[in-house]
């Protein structure tokens, strides 16, 4: 399976308030993309997941996508 993104090893910090960037890492169903697809390291993926969950909690990103 091909990666969606090129190597993102230069990402140092994910800001939960930057929802436009975080939306790139969420699929059409509202799920967080896997490491295989994002190309992030384990620690970067954990930071990404935490930022997405914080953004969901303060209603910047939806928990569920309406169809």
PDB file of N, CA and C in Angstrom:
ATOM      1  N   UNK A   1       0.838  -1.169   0.000  1.00  0.00           N
ATOM      2  CA  UNK A   1       0.000   0.000   0.000  1.00  0.00           C
ATOM      3  C   UNK A   1       0.886   1.237   0.000  1.00  0.00           C
ATOM      4  N   UNK A   2       0.573   2.192  -0.814  1.00  0.00           N
ATOM      5  CA  UNK A   2       1.386   3.395  -0.950  1.00  0.00           C
ATOM      6  C   UNK A   2       1.088   4.385   0.174  1.00  0.00           C
ATOM      7  N   UNK A   3       2.082   5.165   0.519  1.00  0.00           N
ATOM      8  CA  UNK A   3       1.909   6.194   1.528  1.00  0.00           C
ATOM      9  C   UNK A   3       1.127   7.357   0.937  1.00  0.00           C
ATOM     10  N   UNK A   4       0.279   7.936   1.741  1.00  0.00           N
ATOM     11  CA  UNK A   4      -0.474   9.103   1.307  1.00  0.00           C
ATOM     12  C   UNK A   4       0.432  10.320   1.259  1.00  0.00           C
ATOM     13  N   UNK A   5       1.294  10.442   2.233  1.00  0.00           N
ATOM     14  CA  UNK A   5       2.158  11.604   2.353  1.00  0.00           C
ATOM     15  C   UNK A   5       3.604  11.203   2.130  1.00  0.00           C
ATOM     16  N   UNK A   6       4.403  12.169   1.753  1.00  0.00           N
ATOM     17  CA  UNK A   6       5.840  11.932   1.677  1.00  0.00           C
ATOM     18  C   UNK A   6       6.374  11.903   3.099  1.00  0.00           C
ATOM     19  N   UNK A   7       7.651  11.680   3.251  1.00  0.00           N
ATOM     20  CA  UNK A   7       8.253  11.588   4.574  1.00  0.00           C
ATOM     21  C   UNK A   7       7.997  12.860   5.374  1.00  0.00           C
ATOM     22  N   UNK A   8       7.459  12.716   6.562  1.00  0.00           N
ATOM     23  CA  UNK A   8       7.136  13.855   7.426  1.00  0.00           C
ATOM     24  C   UNK A   8       8.017  13.845   8.671  1.00  0.00           C
ATOM     25  N   UNK A   9       9.255  13.455   8.543  1.00  0.00           N
ATOM     26  CA  UNK A   9      10.117  13.354   9.715  1.00  0.00           C
ATOM     27  C   UNK A   9      10.535  14.719  10.232  1.00  0.00           C
ATOM     28  N   UNK A  10      10.290  15.796   9.465  1.00  0.00           N
ATOM     29  CA  UNK A  10      10.671  17.127   9.907  1.00  0.00           C
ATOM     30  C   UNK A  10       9.622  17.768  10.816  1.00  0.00           C
ATOM     31  N   UNK A  11       8.486  17.105  11.043  1.00  0.00           N
ATOM     32  CA  UNK A  11       7.425  17.651  11.883  1.00  0.00           C
ATOM     33  C   UNK A  11       7.841  17.506  13.332  1.00  0.00           C
ATOM     34  N   UNK A  12       7.940  18.632  14.040  1.00  0.00           N
ATOM     35  CA  UNK A  12       8.366  18.591  15.429  1.00  0.00           C
ATOM     36  C   UNK A  12       7.188  18.724  16.393  1.00  0.00           C
ATOM     37  N   UNK A  13       6.133  19.414  15.948  1.00  0.00           N
ATOM     38  CA  UNK A  13       5.034  19.716  16.864  1.00  0.00           C
ATOM     39  C   UNK A  13       3.729  19.805  16.081  1.00  0.00           C
ATOM     40  N   UNK A  14       2.683  19.209  16.602  1.00  0.00           N
ATOM     41  CA  UNK A  14       1.350  19.320  16.032  1.00  0.00           C
ATOM     42  C   UNK A  14       0.523  20.206  16.951  1.00  0.00           C
ATOM     43  N   UNK A  15       0.020  21.295  16.403  1.00  0.00           N
ATOM     44  CA  UNK A  15      -0.788  22.225  17.185  1.00  0.00           C
ATOM     45  C   UNK A  15      -2.250  21.824  17.066  1.00  0.00           C
ATOM     46  N   UNK A  16      -2.911  21.597  18.182  1.00  0.00           N
ATOM     47  CA  UNK A  16      -4.302  21.160  18.144  1.00  0.00           C
ATOM     48  C   UNK A  16      -5.228  22.252  17.618  1.00  0.00           C
ATOM     49  N   UNK A  17      -4.785  23.503  17.639  1.00  0.00           N
ATOM     50  CA  UNK A  17      -5.606  24.601  17.127  1.00  0.00           C
ATOM     51  C   UNK A  17      -5.499  24.752  15.612  1.00  0.00           C
ATOM     52  N   UNK A  18      -4.521  24.088  15.005  1.00  0.00           N
ATOM     53  CA  UNK A  18      -4.341  24.148  13.556  1.00  0.00           C
ATOM     54  C   UNK A  18      -5.109  22.995  12.917  1.00  0.00           C
ATOM     55  N   UNK A  19      -6.433  23.134  12.855  1.00  0.00           N
ATOM     56  CA  UNK A  19      -7.277  22.026  12.420  1.00  0.00           C
ATOM     57  C   UNK A  19      -7.149  21.741  10.935  1.00  0.00           C
ATOM     58  N   UNK A  20      -6.735  22.710  10.139  1.00  0.00           N
ATOM     59  CA  UNK A  20      -6.570  22.452   8.702  1.00  0.00           C
ATOM     60  C   UNK A  20      -5.429  21.456   8.464  1.00  0.00           C
ATOM     61  N   UNK A  21      -4.358  21.559   9.211  1.00  0.00           N
ATOM     62  CA  UNK A  21      -3.258  20.604   9.100  1.00  0.00           C
ATOM     63  C   UNK A  21      -3.687  19.240   9.625  1.00  0.00           C
ATOM     64  N   UNK A  22      -4.408  19.217  10.729  1.00  0.00           N
ATOM     65  CA  UNK A  22      -4.829  17.952  11.324  1.00  0.00           C
ATOM     66  C   UNK A  22      -5.830  17.219  10.436  1.00  0.00           C
ATOM     67  N   UNK A  23      -6.626  17.937   9.659  1.00  0.00           N
ATOM     68  CA  UNK A  23      -7.599  17.306   8.773  1.00  0.00           C
ATOM     69  C   UNK A  23      -6.921  16.455   7.712  1.00  0.00           C
ATOM     70  N   UNK A  24      -5.696  16.784   7.355  1.00  0.00           N
ATOM     71  CA  UNK A  24      -4.978  15.994   6.352  1.00  0.00           C
ATOM     72  C   UNK A  24      -4.666  14.597   6.859  1.00  0.00           C
ATOM     73  N   UNK A  25      -4.620  14.430   8.170  1.00  0.00           N
ATOM     74  CA  UNK A  25      -4.284  13.141   8.761  1.00  0.00           C
ATOM     75  C   UNK A  25      -5.509  12.350   9.193  1.00  0.00           C
ATOM     76  N   UNK A  26      -6.705  12.813   8.819  1.00  0.00           N
ATOM     77  CA  UNK A  26      -7.956  12.140   9.150  1.00  0.00           C
ATOM     78  C   UNK A  26      -8.613  11.716   7.844  1.00  0.00           C
ATOM     79  N   UNK A  27      -9.082  10.465   7.766  1.00  0.00           N
ATOM     80  CA  UNK A  27      -9.694   9.988   6.520  1.00  0.00           C
ATOM     81  C   UNK A  27     -11.148  10.451   6.414  1.00  0.00           C
ATOM     82  N   UNK A  28     -11.824  10.056   5.342  1.00  0.00           N
ATOM     83  CA  UNK A  28     -13.188  10.520   5.082  1.00  0.00           C
ATOM     84  C   UNK A  28     -14.182  10.018   6.123  1.00  0.00           C
ATOM     85  N   UNK A  29     -13.844   8.986   6.857  1.00  0.00           N
ATOM     86  CA  UNK A  29     -14.710   8.450   7.897  1.00  0.00           C
ATOM     87  C   UNK A  29     -14.435   9.080   9.263  1.00  0.00           C
ATOM     88  N   UNK A  30     -13.464   9.967   9.352  1.00  0.00           N
ATOM     89  CA  UNK A  30     -13.132  10.619  10.610  1.00  0.00           C
ATOM     90  C   UNK A  30     -12.112   9.881  11.441  1.00  0.00           C
ATOM     91  N   UNK A  31     -11.491   8.845  10.881  1.00  0.00           N
ATOM     92  CA  UNK A  31     -10.504   8.063  11.618  1.00  0.00           C
ATOM     93  C   UNK A  31      -9.098   8.620  11.373  1.00  0.00           C
ATOM     94  N   UNK A  32      -8.250   8.501  12.356  1.00  0.00           N
ATOM     95  CA  UNK A  32      -6.862   8.920  12.226  1.00  0.00           C
ATOM     96  C   UNK A  32      -6.136   7.928  11.321  1.00  0.00           C
ATOM     97  N   UNK A  33      -5.395   8.446  10.352  1.00  0.00           N
ATOM     98  CA  UNK A  33      -4.666   7.585   9.426  1.00  0.00           C
ATOM     99  C   UNK A  33      -3.553   6.836  10.155  1.00  0.00           C
ATOM    100  N   UNK A  34      -3.193   5.673   9.634  1.00  0.00           N
ATOM    101  CA  UNK A  34      -2.157   4.848  10.252  1.00  0.00           C
ATOM    102  C   UNK A  34      -0.766   5.380   9.930  1.00  0.00           C
ATOM    103  N   UNK A  35       0.211   4.868  10.656  1.00  0.00           N
ATOM    104  CA  UNK A  35       1.596   5.274  10.424  1.00  0.00           C
ATOM    105  C   UNK A  35       2.071   4.894   9.036  1.00  0.00           C
ATOM    106  N   UNK A  36       1.595   3.796   8.520  1.00  0.00           N
ATOM    107  CA  UNK A  36       1.992   3.372   7.180  1.00  0.00           C
ATOM    108  C   UNK A  36       1.584   4.398   6.136  1.00  0.00           C
ATOM    109  N   UNK A  37       0.435   4.990   6.323  1.00  0.00           N
ATOM    110  CA  UNK A  37      -0.059   5.964   5.360  1.00  0.00           C
ATOM    111  C   UNK A  37       0.508   7.357   5.580  1.00  0.00           C
ATOM    112  N   UNK A  38       0.739   7.738   6.836  1.00  0.00           N
ATOM    113  CA  UNK A  38       1.235   9.087   7.112  1.00  0.00           C
ATOM    114  C   UNK A  38       2.748   9.181   6.986  1.00  0.00           C
ATOM    115  N   UNK A  39       3.450   8.086   7.250  1.00  0.00           N
ATOM    116  CA  UNK A  39       4.905   8.107   7.174  1.00  0.00           C
ATOM    117  C   UNK A  39       5.568   8.732   8.382  1.00  0.00           C
ATOM    118  N   UNK A  40       4.852   8.834   9.491  1.00  0.00           N
ATOM    119  CA  UNK A  40       5.398   9.429  10.706  1.00  0.00           C
ATOM    120  C   UNK A  40       6.070   8.370  11.568  1.00  0.00           C
ATOM    121  N   UNK A  41       6.922   8.834  12.468  1.00  0.00           N
ATOM    122  CA  UNK A  41       7.532   7.926  13.435  1.00  0.00           C
ATOM    123  C   UNK A  41       6.516   7.636  14.534  1.00  0.00           C
ATOM    124  N   UNK A  42       6.849   6.699  15.427  1.00  0.00           N
ATOM    125  CA  UNK A  42       5.931   6.351  16.508  1.00  0.00           C
ATOM    126  C   UNK A  42       5.623   7.536  17.408  1.00  0.00           C
ATOM    127  N   UNK A  43       6.656   8.258  17.809  1.00  0.00           N
ATOM    128  CA  UNK A  43       6.433   9.393  18.710  1.00  0.00           C
ATOM    129  C   UNK A  43       5.660  10.508  18.011  1.00  0.00           C
ATOM    130  N   UNK A  44       5.927  10.742  16.732  1.00  0.00           N
ATOM    131  CA  UNK A  44       5.180  11.755  15.989  1.00  0.00           C
ATOM    132  C   UNK A  44       3.719  11.348  15.841  1.00  0.00           C
ATOM    133  N   UNK A  45       3.465  10.066  15.612  1.00  0.00           N
ATOM    134  CA  UNK A  45       2.090   9.584  15.474  1.00  0.00           C
ATOM    135  C   UNK A  45       1.336   9.731  16.787  1.00  0.00           C
ATOM    136  N   UNK A  46       1.995   9.487  17.904  1.00  0.00           N
ATOM    137  CA  UNK A  46       1.350   9.673  19.207  1.00  0.00           C
ATOM    138  C   UNK A  46       1.009  11.137  19.435  1.00  0.00           C
ATOM    139  N   UNK A  47       1.952  12.048  19.096  1.00  0.00           N
ATOM    140  CA  UNK A  47       1.692  13.477  19.242  1.00  0.00           C
ATOM    141  C   UNK A  47       0.554  13.921  18.323  1.00  0.00           C
ATOM    142  N   UNK A  48       0.512  13.364  17.116  1.00  0.00           N
ATOM    143  CA  UNK A  48      -0.561  13.673  16.178  1.00  0.00           C
ATOM    144  C   UNK A  48      -1.908  13.220  16.734  1.00  0.00           C
ATOM    145  N   UNK A  49      -1.971  12.003  17.237  1.00  0.00           N
ATOM    146  CA  UNK A  49      -3.217  11.471  17.784  1.00  0.00           C
ATOM    147  C   UNK A  49      -3.699  12.310  18.961  1.00  0.00           C
ATOM    148  N   UNK A  50      -2.780  12.713  19.810  1.00  0.00           N
ATOM    149  CA  UNK A  50      -3.146  13.543  20.960  1.00  0.00           C
ATOM    150  C   UNK A  50      -3.692  14.893  20.501  1.00  0.00           C
ATOM    151  N   UNK A  51      -3.058  15.506  19.497  1.00  0.00           N
ATOM    152  CA  UNK A  51      -3.516  16.801  18.983  1.00  0.00           C
ATOM    153  C   UNK A  51      -4.894  16.672  18.335  1.00  0.00           C
ATOM    154  N   UNK A  52      -5.128  15.592  17.587  1.00  0.00           N
ATOM    155  CA  UNK A  52      -6.436  15.379  16.951  1.00  0.00           C
ATOM    156  C   UNK A  52      -7.506  15.179  18.011  1.00  0.00           C
ATOM    157  N   UNK A  53      -7.197  14.422  19.050  1.00  0.00           N
ATOM    158  CA  UNK A  53      -8.171  14.188  20.114  1.00  0.00           C
ATOM    159  C   UNK A  53      -8.476  15.472  20.882  1.00  0.00           C
ATOM    160  N   UNK A  54      -7.465  16.328  21.095  1.00  0.00           N
ATOM    161  CA  UNK A  54      -7.711  17.606  21.747  1.00  0.00           C
ATOM    162  C   UNK A  54      -8.579  18.500  20.872  1.00  0.00           C
ATOM    163  N   UNK A  55      -8.311  18.514  19.561  1.00  0.00           N
ATOM    164  CA  UNK A  55      -9.107  19.320  18.635  1.00  0.00           C
ATOM    165  C   UNK A  55     -10.551  18.823  18.588  1.00  0.00           C
ATOM    166  N   UNK A  56     -10.751  17.521  18.665  1.00  0.00           N
ATOM    167  CA  UNK A  56     -12.104  16.970  18.696  1.00  0.00           C
ATOM    168  C   UNK A  56     -12.821  17.389  19.981  1.00  0.00           C
ATOM    169  N   UNK A  57     -12.087  17.380  21.078  1.00  0.00           N
ATOM    170  CA  UNK A  57     -12.688  17.690  22.373  1.00  0.00           C
ATOM    171  C   UNK A  57     -13.182  19.130  22.440  1.00  0.00           C
ATOM    172  N   UNK A  58     -12.482  20.064  21.823  1.00  0.00           N
ATOM    173  CA  UNK A  58     -12.917  21.464  21.840  1.00  0.00           C
ATOM    174  C   UNK A  58     -13.696  21.824  20.572  1.00  0.00           C
ATOM    175  N   UNK A  59     -14.134  20.809  19.824  1.00  0.00           N
ATOM    176  CA  UNK A  59     -15.046  20.934  18.677  1.00  0.00           C
ATOM    177  C   UNK A  59     -14.437  21.631  17.466  1.00  0.00           C
ATOM    178  N   UNK A  60     -13.137  21.521  17.262  1.00  0.00           N
ATOM    179  CA  UNK A  60     -12.535  22.011  16.024  1.00  0.00           C
ATOM    180  C   UNK A  60     -12.618  20.952  14.931  1.00  0.00           C
ATOM    181  N   UNK A  61     -12.580  19.684  15.330  1.00  0.00           N
ATOM    182  CA  UNK A  61     -12.744  18.562  14.406  1.00  0.00           C
ATOM    183  C   UNK A  61     -13.930  17.727  14.888  1.00  0.00           C
ATOM    184  N   UNK A  62     -14.677  17.131  13.975  1.00  0.00           N
ATOM    185  CA  UNK A  62     -15.810  16.304  14.402  1.00  0.00           C
ATOM    186  C   UNK A  62     -15.360  14.925  14.870  1.00  0.00           C
ATOM    187  N   UNK A  63     -16.112  14.351  15.800  1.00  0.00           N
ATOM    188  CA  UNK A  63     -15.870  12.966  16.204  1.00  0.00           C
ATOM    189  C   UNK A  63     -16.362  12.023  15.134  1.00  0.00           C
ATOM    190  N   UNK A  64     -17.538  12.319  14.575  1.00  0.00           N
ATOM    191  CA  UNK A  64     -18.181  11.469  13.595  1.00  0.00           C
ATOM    192  C   UNK A  64     -18.491  12.321  12.363  1.00  0.00           C
ATOM    193  N   UNK A  65     -18.278  11.740  11.185  1.00  0.00           N
ATOM    194  CA  UNK A  65     -18.565  12.444   9.947  1.00  0.00           C
ATOM    195  C   UNK A  65     -20.013  12.163   9.556  1.00  0.00           C
ATOM    196  N   UNK A  66     -20.756  13.223   9.281  1.00  0.00           N
ATOM    197  CA  UNK A  66     -22.152  13.060   8.852  1.00  0.00           C
ATOM    198  C   UNK A  66     -22.206  12.768   7.371  1.00  0.00           C
ATOM    199  N   UNK A  67     -22.994  11.778   6.984  1.00  0.00           N
ATOM    200  CA  UNK A  67     -23.157  11.446   5.568  1.00  0.00           C
ATOM    201  C   UNK A  67     -24.562  11.729   5.110  1.00  0.00           C
TER     202      UNK A  67
END
